[in-house]
Amino acid sequence: MRVLLSLALLALLSAPAQAQALTGDQIKAMFFNGKPFVATSTTRQRFTMVFTPDGKATREPIKKAGEHAEKTQGTWRVVKEGFCTSWKQGSPANCYRLVPNTSDDTKWSVMRGAVTVASWTKPAE
């Protein structure tokens, strides 16, 4: 019994640490600064997104040449756990955490609870 307990404890201690979610200030500095970045949904739909410091946001689907892409406007706010967005007038906000991707330092995972709902990629500066 002690051997099993020791093995379980050893496995727990040797497991890789989970990446810490970004703070509100880190999110604002990295993404909510008026510079465009790419968001990719879990269904592989891609958007160019811009979050401005005044709490406004836009997202525009990335389409092939000749296709029409309609820009959507919304709002954002930072909360203790991360950030919240609302994309339609009067609709409730959805809140998320932003976690660095452990395998690619140019990507971040947008998490709702324990589920990844999108990834964000910052363009090279």
N, C-alpha and C. Protein backbone atom coordinates (compact mmCIF):
# COMPACT_ATOMS: atom_id res chain seq x y z
N MET A 1 0.83 -1.19 0.00
CA MET A 1 0.00 0.00 0.00
C MET A 1 0.87 1.25 0.00
N ARG A 2 1.93 1.25 0.83
CA ARG A 2 2.82 2.41 0.87
C ARG A 2 3.52 2.62 -0.47
N VAL A 3 3.86 1.51 -1.14
CA VAL A 3 4.53 1.61 -2.43
C VAL A 3 3.60 2.28 -3.44
N LEU A 4 2.33 1.88 -3.47
CA LEU A 4 1.37 2.49 -4.39
C LEU A 4 1.18 3.97 -4.09
N LEU A 5 1.09 4.32 -2.83
CA LEU A 5 0.94 5.70 -2.43
C LEU A 5 2.18 6.51 -2.83
N SER A 6 3.34 5.94 -2.63
CA SER A 6 4.59 6.61 -3.01
C SER A 6 4.67 6.82 -4.51
N LEU A 7 4.27 5.82 -5.29
CA LEU A 7 4.29 5.94 -6.75
C LEU A 7 3.30 7.01 -7.22
N ALA A 8 2.13 7.05 -6.63
CA ALA A 8 1.14 8.05 -7.00
C ALA A 8 1.64 9.45 -6.68
N LEU A 9 2.26 9.62 -5.51
CA LEU A 9 2.80 10.91 -5.12
C LEU A 9 3.95 11.32 -6.04
N LEU A 10 4.80 10.38 -6.40
CA LEU A 10 5.91 10.67 -7.30
C LEU A 10 5.39 11.10 -8.67
N ALA A 11 4.36 10.45 -9.18
CA ALA A 11 3.78 10.81 -10.48
C ALA A 11 3.20 12.21 -10.43
N LEU A 12 2.56 12.54 -9.33
CA LEU A 12 1.99 13.87 -9.17
C LEU A 12 3.07 14.94 -9.13
N LEU A 13 4.13 14.69 -8.40
CA LEU A 13 5.20 15.68 -8.27
C LEU A 13 6.02 15.83 -9.54
N SER A 14 6.10 14.79 -10.35
CA SER A 14 6.90 14.88 -11.56
C SER A 14 6.09 15.34 -12.76
N ALA A 15 4.79 15.49 -12.62
CA ALA A 15 3.96 15.96 -13.74
C ALA A 15 4.33 17.40 -14.07
N PRO A 16 4.30 17.78 -15.36
CA PRO A 16 4.63 19.15 -15.73
C PRO A 16 3.63 20.13 -15.14
N ALA A 17 4.11 21.26 -14.75
CA ALA A 17 3.24 22.29 -14.18
C ALA A 17 2.34 22.87 -15.26
N GLN A 18 1.12 23.16 -14.89
CA GLN A 18 0.19 23.80 -15.82
C GLN A 18 0.59 25.26 -15.97
N ALA A 19 0.45 25.78 -17.18
CA ALA A 19 0.78 27.18 -17.43
C ALA A 19 -0.22 28.06 -16.68
N GLN A 20 0.28 29.13 -16.13
CA GLN A 20 -0.56 30.07 -15.40
C GLN A 20 -1.28 31.01 -16.38
N ALA A 21 -2.53 31.28 -16.10
CA ALA A 21 -3.30 32.21 -16.92
C ALA A 21 -2.71 33.61 -16.79
N LEU A 22 -2.81 34.39 -17.86
CA LEU A 22 -2.33 35.76 -17.84
C LEU A 22 -3.22 36.60 -16.93
N THR A 23 -2.63 37.59 -16.31
CA THR A 23 -3.40 38.53 -15.49
C THR A 23 -4.09 39.53 -16.42
N GLY A 24 -5.03 40.27 -15.88
CA GLY A 24 -5.71 41.30 -16.66
C GLY A 24 -4.74 42.32 -17.24
N ASP A 25 -3.75 42.74 -16.46
CA ASP A 25 -2.76 43.70 -16.95
C ASP A 25 -1.92 43.11 -18.08
N GLN A 26 -1.57 41.84 -17.97
CA GLN A 26 -0.80 41.19 -19.03
C GLN A 26 -1.63 41.07 -20.31
N ILE A 27 -2.91 40.73 -20.17
CA ILE A 27 -3.80 40.62 -21.33
C ILE A 27 -3.92 41.98 -22.01
N LYS A 28 -4.12 43.03 -21.22
CA LYS A 28 -4.24 44.37 -21.80
C LYS A 28 -2.97 44.77 -22.54
N ALA A 29 -1.83 44.52 -21.95
CA ALA A 29 -0.55 44.92 -22.56
C ALA A 29 -0.26 44.13 -23.83
N MET A 30 -0.59 42.84 -23.84
CA MET A 30 -0.23 41.99 -24.97
C MET A 30 -1.26 42.01 -26.11
N PHE A 31 -2.54 42.09 -25.77
CA PHE A 31 -3.57 41.92 -26.80
C PHE A 31 -4.58 43.08 -26.89
N PHE A 32 -4.85 43.76 -25.81
CA PHE A 32 -5.90 44.78 -25.83
C PHE A 32 -5.28 46.16 -25.99
N ASN A 33 -4.41 46.28 -26.99
CA ASN A 33 -3.62 47.49 -27.19
C ASN A 33 -3.83 48.13 -28.56
N GLY A 34 -4.86 47.70 -29.29
CA GLY A 34 -5.17 48.28 -30.59
C GLY A 34 -4.43 47.63 -31.75
N LYS A 35 -3.59 46.63 -31.48
CA LYS A 35 -2.85 45.96 -32.55
C LYS A 35 -3.58 44.68 -32.97
N PRO A 36 -3.67 44.41 -34.27
CA PRO A 36 -4.38 43.21 -34.72
C PRO A 36 -3.62 41.93 -34.38
N PHE A 37 -4.38 40.86 -34.16
CA PHE A 37 -3.83 39.53 -33.97
C PHE A 37 -4.81 38.53 -34.57
N VAL A 38 -4.39 37.28 -34.70
CA VAL A 38 -5.23 36.25 -35.31
C VAL A 38 -5.79 35.33 -34.24
N ALA A 39 -7.09 35.10 -34.32
CA ALA A 39 -7.77 34.14 -33.45
C ALA A 39 -8.23 32.98 -34.31
N THR A 40 -8.02 31.76 -33.84
CA THR A 40 -8.44 30.56 -34.56
C THR A 40 -9.36 29.76 -33.65
N SER A 41 -10.56 29.48 -34.14
CA SER A 41 -11.51 28.71 -33.34
C SER A 41 -11.15 27.23 -33.40
N THR A 42 -11.81 26.44 -32.58
CA THR A 42 -11.56 25.00 -32.58
C THR A 42 -12.05 24.35 -33.87
N THR A 43 -12.89 25.05 -34.63
CA THR A 43 -13.35 24.55 -35.94
C THR A 43 -12.47 25.08 -37.07
N ARG A 44 -11.35 25.70 -36.70
CA ARG A 44 -10.34 26.22 -37.62
C ARG A 44 -10.78 27.47 -38.38
N GLN A 45 -11.84 28.12 -37.94
CA GLN A 45 -12.22 29.39 -38.52
C GLN A 45 -11.28 30.45 -37.95
N ARG A 46 -10.75 31.31 -38.83
CA ARG A 46 -9.75 32.30 -38.40
C ARG A 46 -10.33 33.71 -38.52
N PHE A 47 -9.94 34.56 -37.57
CA PHE A 47 -10.39 35.93 -37.51
C PHE A 47 -9.20 36.86 -37.27
N THR A 48 -9.28 38.05 -37.83
CA THR A 48 -8.37 39.12 -37.42
C THR A 48 -9.13 39.88 -36.34
N MET A 49 -8.51 40.03 -35.18
CA MET A 49 -9.16 40.70 -34.06
C MET A 49 -8.35 41.91 -33.62
N VAL A 50 -9.07 42.95 -33.20
CA VAL A 50 -8.45 44.15 -32.66
C VAL A 50 -9.23 44.57 -31.43
N PHE A 51 -8.54 44.63 -30.30
CA PHE A 51 -9.12 45.10 -29.04
C PHE A 51 -8.44 46.42 -28.71
N THR A 52 -9.20 47.50 -28.62
CA THR A 52 -8.62 48.81 -28.33
C THR A 52 -8.68 49.09 -26.83
N PRO A 53 -7.77 49.93 -26.32
CA PRO A 53 -7.71 50.20 -24.88
C PRO A 53 -9.00 50.77 -24.28
N ASP A 54 -9.89 51.32 -25.13
CA ASP A 54 -11.12 51.93 -24.62
C ASP A 54 -12.26 50.93 -24.43
N GLY A 55 -11.97 49.62 -24.54
CA GLY A 55 -12.99 48.61 -24.29
C GLY A 55 -13.76 48.17 -25.52
N LYS A 56 -13.34 48.59 -26.70
CA LYS A 56 -14.02 48.19 -27.93
C LYS A 56 -13.23 47.09 -28.62
N ALA A 57 -13.95 46.27 -29.39
CA ALA A 57 -13.31 45.15 -30.08
C ALA A 57 -13.93 44.97 -31.46
N THR A 58 -13.13 44.48 -32.40
CA THR A 58 -13.64 44.08 -33.71
C THR A 58 -13.06 42.72 -34.06
N ARG A 59 -13.83 41.97 -34.81
CA ARG A 59 -13.34 40.70 -35.35
C ARG A 59 -13.85 40.59 -36.78
N GLU A 60 -12.96 40.13 -37.64
CA GLU A 60 -13.29 40.00 -39.05
C GLU A 60 -12.79 38.64 -39.54
N PRO A 61 -13.68 37.83 -40.10
CA PRO A 61 -13.24 36.53 -40.61
C PRO A 61 -12.16 36.71 -41.68
N ILE A 62 -11.18 35.84 -41.65
CA ILE A 62 -10.14 35.84 -42.68
C ILE A 62 -10.67 34.97 -43.81
N LYS A 63 -10.93 35.59 -44.95
CA LYS A 63 -11.51 34.90 -46.10
C LYS A 63 -10.51 34.84 -47.24
N LYS A 64 -10.81 34.00 -48.19
CA LYS A 64 -10.01 33.92 -49.40
C LYS A 64 -10.29 35.15 -50.27
N ALA A 65 -9.36 35.46 -51.17
CA ALA A 65 -9.52 36.60 -52.07
C ALA A 65 -10.87 36.52 -52.78
N GLY A 66 -11.57 37.63 -52.81
CA GLY A 66 -12.85 37.70 -53.50
C GLY A 66 -14.04 37.39 -52.62
N GLU A 67 -13.84 36.78 -51.47
CA GLU A 67 -14.95 36.48 -50.56
C GLU A 67 -15.22 37.70 -49.68
N HIS A 68 -16.48 37.90 -49.35
CA HIS A 68 -16.87 39.02 -48.49
C HIS A 68 -16.74 38.62 -47.02
N ALA A 69 -16.08 39.45 -46.26
CA ALA A 69 -15.93 39.20 -44.83
C ALA A 69 -16.55 40.35 -44.06
N GLU A 70 -17.52 40.05 -43.22
CA GLU A 70 -18.21 41.08 -42.46
C GLU A 70 -17.57 41.28 -41.09
N LYS A 71 -17.25 42.51 -40.76
CA LYS A 71 -16.62 42.84 -39.49
C LYS A 71 -17.69 42.95 -38.41
N THR A 72 -17.43 42.35 -37.25
CA THR A 72 -18.33 42.40 -36.11
C THR A 72 -17.70 43.28 -35.04
N GLN A 73 -18.54 44.09 -34.40
CA GLN A 73 -18.04 44.95 -33.33
C GLN A 73 -18.57 44.46 -31.99
N GLY A 74 -17.75 44.65 -30.95
CA GLY A 74 -18.15 44.22 -29.62
C GLY A 74 -17.42 45.03 -28.56
N THR A 75 -17.49 44.53 -27.35
CA THR A 75 -16.83 45.19 -26.22
C THR A 75 -16.08 44.13 -25.41
N TRP A 76 -15.12 44.60 -24.62
CA TRP A 76 -14.36 43.72 -23.74
C TRP A 76 -14.18 44.39 -22.39
N ARG A 77 -13.89 43.57 -21.39
CA ARG A 77 -13.52 44.07 -20.06
C ARG A 77 -12.68 43.01 -19.38
N VAL A 78 -11.78 43.46 -18.53
CA VAL A 78 -10.94 42.56 -17.76
C VAL A 78 -11.66 42.23 -16.46
N VAL A 79 -11.59 40.96 -16.06
CA VAL A 79 -12.14 40.51 -14.79
C VAL A 79 -11.04 39.77 -14.05
N LYS A 80 -11.30 39.42 -12.81
CA LYS A 80 -10.30 38.74 -11.98
C LYS A 80 -9.73 37.50 -12.64
N GLU A 81 -10.57 36.69 -13.27
CA GLU A 81 -10.15 35.43 -13.87
C GLU A 81 -9.54 35.58 -15.25
N GLY A 82 -9.71 36.73 -15.91
CA GLY A 82 -9.21 36.92 -17.28
C GLY A 82 -9.89 38.08 -17.97
N PHE A 83 -10.78 37.75 -18.92
CA PHE A 83 -11.48 38.81 -19.65
C PHE A 83 -12.84 38.31 -20.11
N CYS A 84 -13.71 39.27 -20.43
CA CYS A 84 -15.05 38.95 -20.94
C CYS A 84 -15.27 39.75 -22.22
N THR A 85 -16.01 39.15 -23.16
CA THR A 85 -16.37 39.84 -24.39
C THR A 85 -17.86 39.71 -24.63
N SER A 86 -18.40 40.68 -25.34
CA SER A 86 -19.78 40.65 -25.80
C SER A 86 -19.77 41.15 -27.23
N TRP A 87 -20.38 40.39 -28.15
CA TRP A 87 -20.30 40.72 -29.57
C TRP A 87 -21.59 41.24 -30.15
N LYS A 88 -22.68 41.17 -29.42
CA LYS A 88 -23.96 41.69 -29.92
C LYS A 88 -24.55 42.62 -28.87
N GLN A 89 -25.16 43.70 -29.34
CA GLN A 89 -25.78 44.68 -28.46
C GLN A 89 -26.76 43.98 -27.51
N GLY A 90 -26.55 44.17 -26.22
CA GLY A 90 -27.45 43.62 -25.22
C GLY A 90 -27.26 42.14 -24.90
N SER A 91 -26.33 41.47 -25.57
CA SER A 91 -26.13 40.06 -25.28
C SER A 91 -25.25 39.90 -24.05
N PRO A 92 -25.42 38.79 -23.32
CA PRO A 92 -24.58 38.59 -22.13
C PRO A 92 -23.12 38.37 -22.53
N ALA A 93 -22.23 38.76 -21.65
CA ALA A 93 -20.80 38.58 -21.90
C ALA A 93 -20.39 37.14 -21.65
N ASN A 94 -19.40 36.70 -22.40
CA ASN A 94 -18.77 35.40 -22.16
C ASN A 94 -17.38 35.67 -21.62
N CYS A 95 -16.98 34.94 -20.59
CA CYS A 95 -15.70 35.20 -19.93
C CYS A 95 -14.74 34.04 -20.13
N TYR A 96 -13.45 34.39 -20.21
CA TYR A 96 -12.42 33.42 -20.55
C TYR A 96 -11.14 33.70 -19.75
N ARG A 97 -10.26 32.70 -19.77
CA ARG A 97 -8.89 32.86 -19.28
C ARG A 97 -7.98 32.75 -20.49
N LEU A 98 -6.82 33.36 -20.43
CA LEU A 98 -5.85 33.30 -21.51
C LEU A 98 -4.59 32.66 -20.96
N VAL A 99 -4.20 31.50 -21.54
CA VAL A 99 -3.10 30.70 -21.02
C VAL A 99 -2.04 30.53 -22.11
N PRO A 100 -0.77 30.75 -21.77
CA PRO A 100 0.27 30.53 -22.78
C PRO A 100 0.27 29.08 -23.26
N ASN A 101 0.51 28.90 -24.55
CA ASN A 101 0.64 27.57 -25.13
C ASN A 101 2.02 27.04 -24.78
N THR A 102 2.09 25.89 -24.18
CA THR A 102 3.38 25.37 -23.71
C THR A 102 4.27 24.88 -24.84
N SER A 103 3.71 24.62 -26.02
CA SER A 103 4.54 24.12 -27.12
C SER A 103 4.88 25.18 -28.16
N ASP A 104 4.27 26.37 -28.08
CA ASP A 104 4.53 27.42 -29.06
C ASP A 104 4.40 28.77 -28.36
N ASP A 105 5.53 29.48 -28.22
CA ASP A 105 5.51 30.72 -27.44
C ASP A 105 4.91 31.91 -28.20
N THR A 106 4.36 31.70 -29.40
CA THR A 106 3.66 32.78 -30.10
C THR A 106 2.14 32.58 -30.03
N LYS A 107 1.69 31.53 -29.31
CA LYS A 107 0.27 31.24 -29.23
C LYS A 107 -0.21 31.18 -27.78
N TRP A 108 -1.47 31.53 -27.60
CA TRP A 108 -2.12 31.47 -26.30
C TRP A 108 -3.45 30.76 -26.47
N SER A 109 -3.84 29.98 -25.49
CA SER A 109 -5.11 29.27 -25.50
C SER A 109 -6.16 30.09 -24.78
N VAL A 110 -7.31 30.26 -25.42
CA VAL A 110 -8.44 30.94 -24.81
C VAL A 110 -9.29 29.85 -24.18
N MET A 111 -9.40 29.90 -22.85
CA MET A 111 -10.04 28.83 -22.09
C MET A 111 -11.36 29.29 -21.49
N ARG A 112 -12.36 28.44 -21.59
CA ARG A 112 -13.62 28.65 -20.88
C ARG A 112 -13.77 27.45 -19.97
N GLY A 113 -13.52 27.67 -18.69
CA GLY A 113 -13.43 26.55 -17.76
C GLY A 113 -12.18 25.75 -18.11
N ALA A 114 -12.33 24.45 -18.30
CA ALA A 114 -11.20 23.59 -18.64
C ALA A 114 -11.11 23.33 -20.14
N VAL A 115 -11.96 23.99 -20.93
CA VAL A 115 -12.05 23.73 -22.36
C VAL A 115 -11.40 24.86 -23.16
N THR A 116 -10.55 24.49 -24.12
CA THR A 116 -9.97 25.47 -25.03
C THR A 116 -11.00 25.78 -26.11
N VAL A 117 -11.34 27.06 -26.27
CA VAL A 117 -12.33 27.45 -27.27
C VAL A 117 -11.70 28.12 -28.48
N ALA A 118 -10.45 28.56 -28.35
CA ALA A 118 -9.75 29.22 -29.47
C ALA A 118 -8.28 29.34 -29.12
N SER A 119 -7.50 29.74 -30.12
CA SER A 119 -6.11 30.09 -29.85
C SER A 119 -5.85 31.46 -30.47
N TRP A 120 -5.01 32.22 -29.82
CA TRP A 120 -4.63 33.55 -30.31
C TRP A 120 -3.16 33.52 -30.69
N THR A 121 -2.84 34.13 -31.82
CA THR A 121 -1.48 34.20 -32.30
C THR A 121 -1.11 35.66 -32.52
N LYS A 122 -0.02 36.07 -31.91
CA LYS A 122 0.46 37.45 -32.11
C LYS A 122 1.40 37.46 -33.31
N PRO A 123 1.24 38.46 -34.18
CA PRO A 123 2.18 38.58 -35.30
C PRO A 123 3.56 39.00 -34.79
N ALA A 124 4.59 38.65 -35.53
CA ALA A 124 5.94 39.06 -35.17
C ALA A 124 6.04 40.57 -35.23
N GLU A 125 6.71 41.14 -34.26
CA GLU A 125 6.83 42.61 -34.22
C GLU A 125 8.13 43.06 -34.83
